[in-house]
Amino acid sequence: MMEPLLTTKDVSKILNLTVGTVLEMIHDGRLPKPLNFGTVRKPNYRFKRDTLESFLSPEPAPQPKPKRTRRRHPEIRRFV
């Protein structure tokens, strides 16, 4: 059985936002790309629940790379 899809209204309730804000976030790319069951002029967006949940799950913050230090051989001197 296929899982039910979430409408923009459902997503707005989950995120505690207005439907207009959810639509702006879709167009800005701040939300994962939904499925469009409408037309280009009148889109009818649907989200898969697992896609939205994976988007909302906290990801570990990327660790900064350690700064590389320049190592020199103690006997080699820099020419002046």
C-alpha atoms as a PDB file:
ATOM      1  CA  MET A   1       0.000   0.000   0.000  1.00  0.00           C
ATOM      2  CA  MET A   2       1.277   3.445  -0.879  1.00  0.00           C
ATOM      3  CA  GLU A   3       1.899   5.862   1.959  1.00  0.00           C
ATOM      4  CA  PRO A   4      -0.277   8.980   2.032  1.00  0.00           C
ATOM      5  CA  LEU A   5       1.284  12.140   0.663  1.00  0.00           C
ATOM      6  CA  LEU A   6       1.331  15.418   2.571  1.00  0.00           C
ATOM      7  CA  THR A   7      -0.183  18.584   1.138  1.00  0.00           C
ATOM      8  CA  THR A   8       1.300  22.039   1.610  1.00  0.00           C
ATOM      9  CA  LYS A   9      -1.351  22.604   4.277  1.00  0.00           C
ATOM     10  CA  ASP A  10      -0.204  19.485   6.155  1.00  0.00           C
ATOM     11  CA  VAL A  11       3.421  20.593   5.896  1.00  0.00           C
ATOM     12  CA  SER A  12       2.531  24.070   7.134  1.00  0.00           C
ATOM     13  CA  LYS A  13       0.897  22.535  10.220  1.00  0.00           C
ATOM     14  CA  ILE A  14       3.917  20.303  10.874  1.00  0.00           C
ATOM     15  CA  LEU A  15       6.365  23.207  10.506  1.00  0.00           C
ATOM     16  CA  ASN A  16       4.051  25.690  12.250  1.00  0.00           C
ATOM     17  CA  LEU A  17       4.185  28.056   9.266  1.00  0.00           C
ATOM     18  CA  THR A  18       1.662  29.549   6.903  1.00  0.00           C
ATOM     19  CA  VAL A  19       0.926  27.905   3.560  1.00  0.00           C
ATOM     20  CA  GLY A  20       2.369  30.973   1.817  1.00  0.00           C
ATOM     21  CA  THR A  21       5.658  30.600   3.678  1.00  0.00           C
ATOM     22  CA  VAL A  22       5.834  26.912   2.740  1.00  0.00           C
ATOM     23  CA  LEU A  23       5.287  27.843  -0.920  1.00  0.00           C
ATOM     24  CA  GLU A  24       8.040  30.474  -0.702  1.00  0.00           C
ATOM     25  CA  MET A  25      10.377  27.917   0.846  1.00  0.00           C
ATOM     26  CA  ILE A  26       9.621  25.499  -2.003  1.00  0.00           C
ATOM     27  CA  HIS A  27      10.397  28.133  -4.625  1.00  0.00           C
ATOM     28  CA  ASP A  28      13.561  29.260  -2.776  1.00  0.00           C
ATOM     29  CA  GLY A  29      14.804  25.684  -2.473  1.00  0.00           C
ATOM     30  CA  ARG A  30      14.763  25.696   1.332  1.00  0.00           C
ATOM     31  CA  LEU A  31      12.452  22.668   1.365  1.00  0.00           C
ATOM     32  CA  PRO A  32      12.987  19.417  -0.530  1.00  0.00           C
ATOM     33  CA  LYS A  33      11.442  19.350  -3.981  1.00  0.00           C
ATOM     34  CA  PRO A  34       7.834  18.135  -3.765  1.00  0.00           C
ATOM     35  CA  LEU A  35       5.851  16.178  -6.314  1.00  0.00           C
ATOM     36  CA  ASN A  36       3.605  18.338  -8.509  1.00  0.00           C
ATOM     37  CA  PHE A  37       0.235  16.830  -9.373  1.00  0.00           C
ATOM     38  CA  GLY A  38      -1.051  20.083 -10.869  1.00  0.00           C
ATOM     39  CA  THR A  39       0.051  22.224 -13.756  1.00  0.00           C
ATOM     40  CA  VAL A  40       2.824  24.763 -14.106  1.00  0.00           C
ATOM     41  CA  ARG A  41       0.404  27.626 -13.648  1.00  0.00           C
ATOM     42  CA  LYS A  42      -1.514  26.022 -10.808  1.00  0.00           C
ATOM     43  CA  PRO A  43       0.770  23.601  -8.960  1.00  0.00           C
ATOM     44  CA  ASN A  44      -0.627  21.038  -6.571  1.00  0.00           C
ATOM     45  CA  TYR A  45       2.349  20.054  -4.435  1.00  0.00           C
ATOM     46  CA  ARG A  46       2.608  16.829  -2.432  1.00  0.00           C
ATOM     47  CA  PHE A  47       5.413  15.748  -0.124  1.00  0.00           C
ATOM     48  CA  LYS A  48       6.457  12.238   0.773  1.00  0.00           C
ATOM     49  CA  ARG A  49       6.455  11.897   4.551  1.00  0.00           C
ATOM     50  CA  ASP A  50       9.829  10.147   4.720  1.00  0.00           C
ATOM     51  CA  THR A  51      11.458  12.839   2.556  1.00  0.00           C
ATOM     52  CA  LEU A  52      10.162  15.560   4.849  1.00  0.00           C
ATOM     53  CA  GLU A  53      11.164  13.658   7.989  1.00  0.00           C
ATOM     54  CA  SER A  54      14.691  13.094   6.698  1.00  0.00           C
ATOM     55  CA  PHE A  55      14.898  16.804   5.855  1.00  0.00           C
ATOM     56  CA  LEU A  56      13.770  17.765   9.364  1.00  0.00           C
ATOM     57  CA  SER A  57      15.992  15.298  11.213  1.00  0.00           C
ATOM     58  CA  PRO A  58      18.983  17.019  12.787  1.00  0.00           C
ATOM     59  CA  GLU A  59      22.183  16.307  10.940  1.00  0.00           C
ATOM     60  CA  PRO A  60      25.493  16.404  12.740  1.00  0.00           C
ATOM     61  CA  ALA A  61      27.304  19.655  12.146  1.00  0.00           C
ATOM     62  CA  PRO A  62      30.231  19.286   9.762  1.00  0.00           C
ATOM     63  CA  GLN A  63      33.530  19.297  11.570  1.00  0.00           C
ATOM     64  CA  PRO A  64      36.027  21.904  10.384  1.00  0.00           C
ATOM     65  CA  LYS A  65      39.186  20.537   8.867  1.00  0.00           C
ATOM     66  CA  PRO A  66      42.239  20.961  11.076  1.00  0.00           C
ATOM     67  CA  LYS A  67      44.477  23.767   9.983  1.00  0.00           C
ATOM     68  CA  ARG A  68      47.615  22.487   8.371  1.00  0.00           C
ATOM     69  CA  THR A  69      50.813  23.802   9.805  1.00  0.00           C
ATOM     70  CA  ARG A  70      53.919  24.179   7.763  1.00  0.00           C
ATOM     71  CA  ARG A  71      56.649  21.896   8.971  1.00  0.00           C
ATOM     72  CA  ARG A  72      60.265  22.624   8.239  1.00  0.00           C
ATOM     73  CA  HIS A  73      63.290  20.603   8.808  1.00  0.00           C
ATOM     74  CA  PRO A  74      65.269  22.185  11.690  1.00  0.00           C
ATOM     75  CA  GLU A  75      68.530  22.223   9.729  1.00  0.00           C
ATOM     76  CA  ILE A  76      67.139  23.974   6.664  1.00  0.00           C
ATOM     77  CA  ARG A  77      67.276  27.741   6.919  1.00  0.00           C
ATOM     78  CA  ARG A  78      65.447  30.240   4.856  1.00  0.00           C
ATOM     79  CA  PHE A  79      67.578  32.264   2.486  1.00  0.00           C
ATOM     80  CA  VAL A  80      67.505  35.981   3.145  1.00  0.00           C
END
